[in-house]
Amino acid sequence: MKIREYKEEDRKKVKKLVKEVLTEIFNSASNLKDLDNIKKEYKKFFVVEEKGEIIGTLGIKNEGDARISRMYIKKEKRGGGLGKKLVKKAIKLCKGKYKRIFLTTYPQMNSEGFYKKMGFKEYKRDERIWMELIL
């Protein structure tokens, strides 16, 4: 298993994973336009590759503050510390460059507890859960 930066040839595999996870959680996958031009849309985008398959993703956007986006782990690979490694990598990369990192998640994703363990705190709730980590 290897965490590395996204390459253009990863696009189809990244889209496949994102669609798979969104369909699993929400029974549909829409609004994937940001994945058509990852290099333009994201400051950094990481993939986790195992035996030629993309099993995890995490993107960082510059929205004044750093925003974690498109953090997905293949269902069978969850709970093994992969998400923790990706978020730690994002935090390390953003320290000294940004004052905070924020993200949104949804109640259906059951990820709020994970992010709280990583040091994030909820600061707003609507249909999404908005969380931040002050750096």
Protein backbone atom coordinates (compact mmCIF):
# COMPACT_ATOMS: atom_id res chain seq x y z
CA MET A 1 0.00 0.00 0.00
CA LYS A 2 1.36 3.38 -1.00
CA ILE A 3 0.14 6.95 -0.38
CA ARG A 4 1.23 9.19 -3.22
CA GLU A 5 0.28 12.30 -5.13
CA TYR A 6 -2.38 12.03 -7.80
CA LYS A 7 -1.32 11.57 -11.42
CA GLU A 8 -3.54 12.34 -14.41
CA GLU A 9 -3.70 8.64 -15.35
CA ASP A 10 -5.42 7.97 -11.97
CA ARG A 11 -8.58 9.91 -12.92
CA LYS A 12 -10.78 6.94 -13.95
CA LYS A 13 -9.81 4.90 -10.89
CA VAL A 14 -10.38 7.88 -8.57
CA LYS A 15 -13.83 8.51 -10.06
CA LYS A 16 -14.66 4.81 -9.75
CA LEU A 17 -13.78 4.78 -6.03
CA VAL A 18 -15.66 8.03 -5.29
CA LYS A 19 -18.78 6.79 -7.12
CA GLU A 20 -18.58 3.45 -5.29
CA VAL A 21 -18.37 5.08 -1.83
CA LEU A 22 -21.04 7.71 -2.52
CA THR A 23 -23.41 5.09 -3.93
CA GLU A 24 -22.82 2.90 -0.87
CA ILE A 25 -23.66 5.77 1.52
CA PHE A 26 -26.22 7.87 -0.38
CA ASN A 27 -27.50 5.38 -3.01
CA SER A 28 -26.33 7.77 -5.73
CA ALA A 29 -23.26 9.65 -6.90
CA SER A 30 -23.64 13.05 -8.50
CA ASN A 31 -21.73 16.33 -8.72
CA LEU A 32 -18.34 14.87 -9.58
CA LYS A 33 -17.23 17.72 -11.88
CA ASP A 34 -14.28 18.61 -9.61
CA LEU A 35 -12.81 15.20 -10.46
CA ASP A 36 -12.60 16.08 -14.16
CA ASN A 37 -9.68 18.45 -13.51
CA ILE A 38 -8.14 17.47 -10.18
CA LYS A 39 -4.86 19.29 -10.84
CA LYS A 40 -6.76 22.59 -11.28
CA GLU A 41 -9.40 22.11 -8.55
CA TYR A 42 -7.09 20.92 -5.75
CA LYS A 43 -3.91 22.29 -4.21
CA LYS A 44 -2.91 18.68 -3.43
CA PHE A 45 -4.65 15.40 -4.05
CA PHE A 46 -3.45 12.11 -2.62
CA VAL A 47 -4.35 8.58 -3.60
CA VAL A 48 -3.74 5.34 -1.77
CA GLU A 49 -2.77 2.61 -4.17
CA GLU A 50 -2.69 -1.09 -3.47
CA LYS A 51 -1.87 -3.64 -6.18
CA GLY A 52 -2.74 -1.13 -8.91
CA GLU A 53 -6.11 -0.25 -7.36
CA ILE A 54 -6.99 3.14 -5.84
CA ILE A 55 -8.40 2.35 -2.37
CA GLY A 56 -8.35 5.83 -0.82
CA THR A 57 -8.32 9.53 -1.68
CA LEU A 58 -7.92 12.88 0.02
CA GLY A 59 -7.90 16.30 -1.59
CA ILE A 60 -6.82 19.65 -0.18
CA LYS A 61 -8.36 22.82 -1.60
CA ASN A 62 -7.21 26.37 -0.96
CA GLU A 63 -10.31 28.33 0.08
CA GLY A 64 -8.48 30.98 2.10
CA ASP A 65 -8.07 28.24 4.67
CA ALA A 66 -7.24 24.67 3.73
CA ARG A 67 -10.24 22.48 3.03
CA ILE A 68 -10.11 18.70 3.14
CA SER A 69 -12.33 17.31 0.43
CA ARG A 70 -12.98 13.94 -1.24
CA MET A 71 -11.68 11.88 1.67
CA TYR A 72 -12.83 8.38 0.81
CA ILE A 73 -11.65 4.90 1.75
CA LYS A 74 -12.86 1.72 0.07
CA LYS A 75 -15.32 -0.03 2.41
CA GLU A 76 -13.21 -3.16 2.97
CA LYS A 77 -10.17 -1.06 3.88
CA ARG A 78 -11.80 1.15 6.54
CA GLY A 79 -10.80 0.86 10.17
CA GLY A 80 -7.18 -0.02 9.47
CA GLY A 81 -5.63 3.38 10.07
CA LEU A 82 -5.55 4.51 6.44
CA GLY A 83 -7.81 7.54 7.00
CA LYS A 84 -5.67 8.56 9.97
CA LYS A 85 -2.53 8.44 7.81
CA LEU A 86 -4.15 10.56 5.10
CA VAL A 87 -5.43 13.20 7.54
CA LYS A 88 -2.08 13.36 9.35
CA LYS A 89 -0.39 13.88 5.99
CA ALA A 90 -2.80 16.72 5.20
CA ILE A 91 -2.26 18.37 8.60
CA LYS A 92 1.51 18.16 8.26
CA LEU A 93 1.35 19.66 4.77
CA CYS A 94 -0.92 22.53 5.88
CA LYS A 95 0.91 23.52 9.09
CA GLY A 96 2.69 26.82 8.65
CA LYS A 97 0.80 27.55 5.40
CA TYR A 98 -2.73 27.90 6.76
CA LYS A 99 -4.32 28.98 10.04
CA ARG A 100 -6.93 26.24 9.94
CA ILE A 101 -8.19 23.22 8.06
CA PHE A 102 -11.92 22.73 7.62
CA LEU A 103 -14.13 20.10 6.09
CA THR A 104 -17.72 19.05 5.74
CA THR A 105 -19.14 15.63 6.30
CA TYR A 106 -22.66 14.22 6.43
CA PRO A 107 -24.40 12.39 9.28
CA GLN A 108 -24.89 9.36 6.99
CA MET A 109 -21.10 9.02 6.61
CA ASN A 110 -20.59 8.29 10.32
CA SER A 111 -17.20 10.05 10.18
CA GLU A 112 -17.75 12.79 12.78
CA GLY A 113 -16.21 10.69 15.58
CA PHE A 114 -13.17 9.92 13.44
CA TYR A 115 -12.52 13.60 12.75
CA LYS A 116 -13.03 14.49 16.42
CA LYS A 117 -10.34 11.94 17.33
CA MET A 118 -8.07 13.68 14.83
CA GLY A 119 -8.60 16.99 16.68
CA PHE A 120 -11.37 18.56 14.58
CA LYS A 121 -14.26 20.36 16.27
CA GLU A 122 -17.74 20.97 14.92
CA TYR A 123 -18.50 24.64 14.31
CA LYS A 124 -21.72 24.51 12.28
CA ARG A 125 -24.46 22.06 11.41
CA ASP A 126 -27.03 22.18 8.63
CA GLU A 127 -27.57 19.25 6.24
CA ARG A 128 -23.79 18.83 6.63
CA ILE A 129 -21.49 18.82 9.64
CA TRP A 130 -18.84 21.53 9.36
CA MET A 131 -15.64 20.81 11.26
CA GLU A 132 -12.34 22.62 11.73
CA LEU A 133 -8.88 22.18 13.14
CA ILE A 134 -6.99 25.32 14.17
CA LEU A 135 -3.34 24.91 13.24
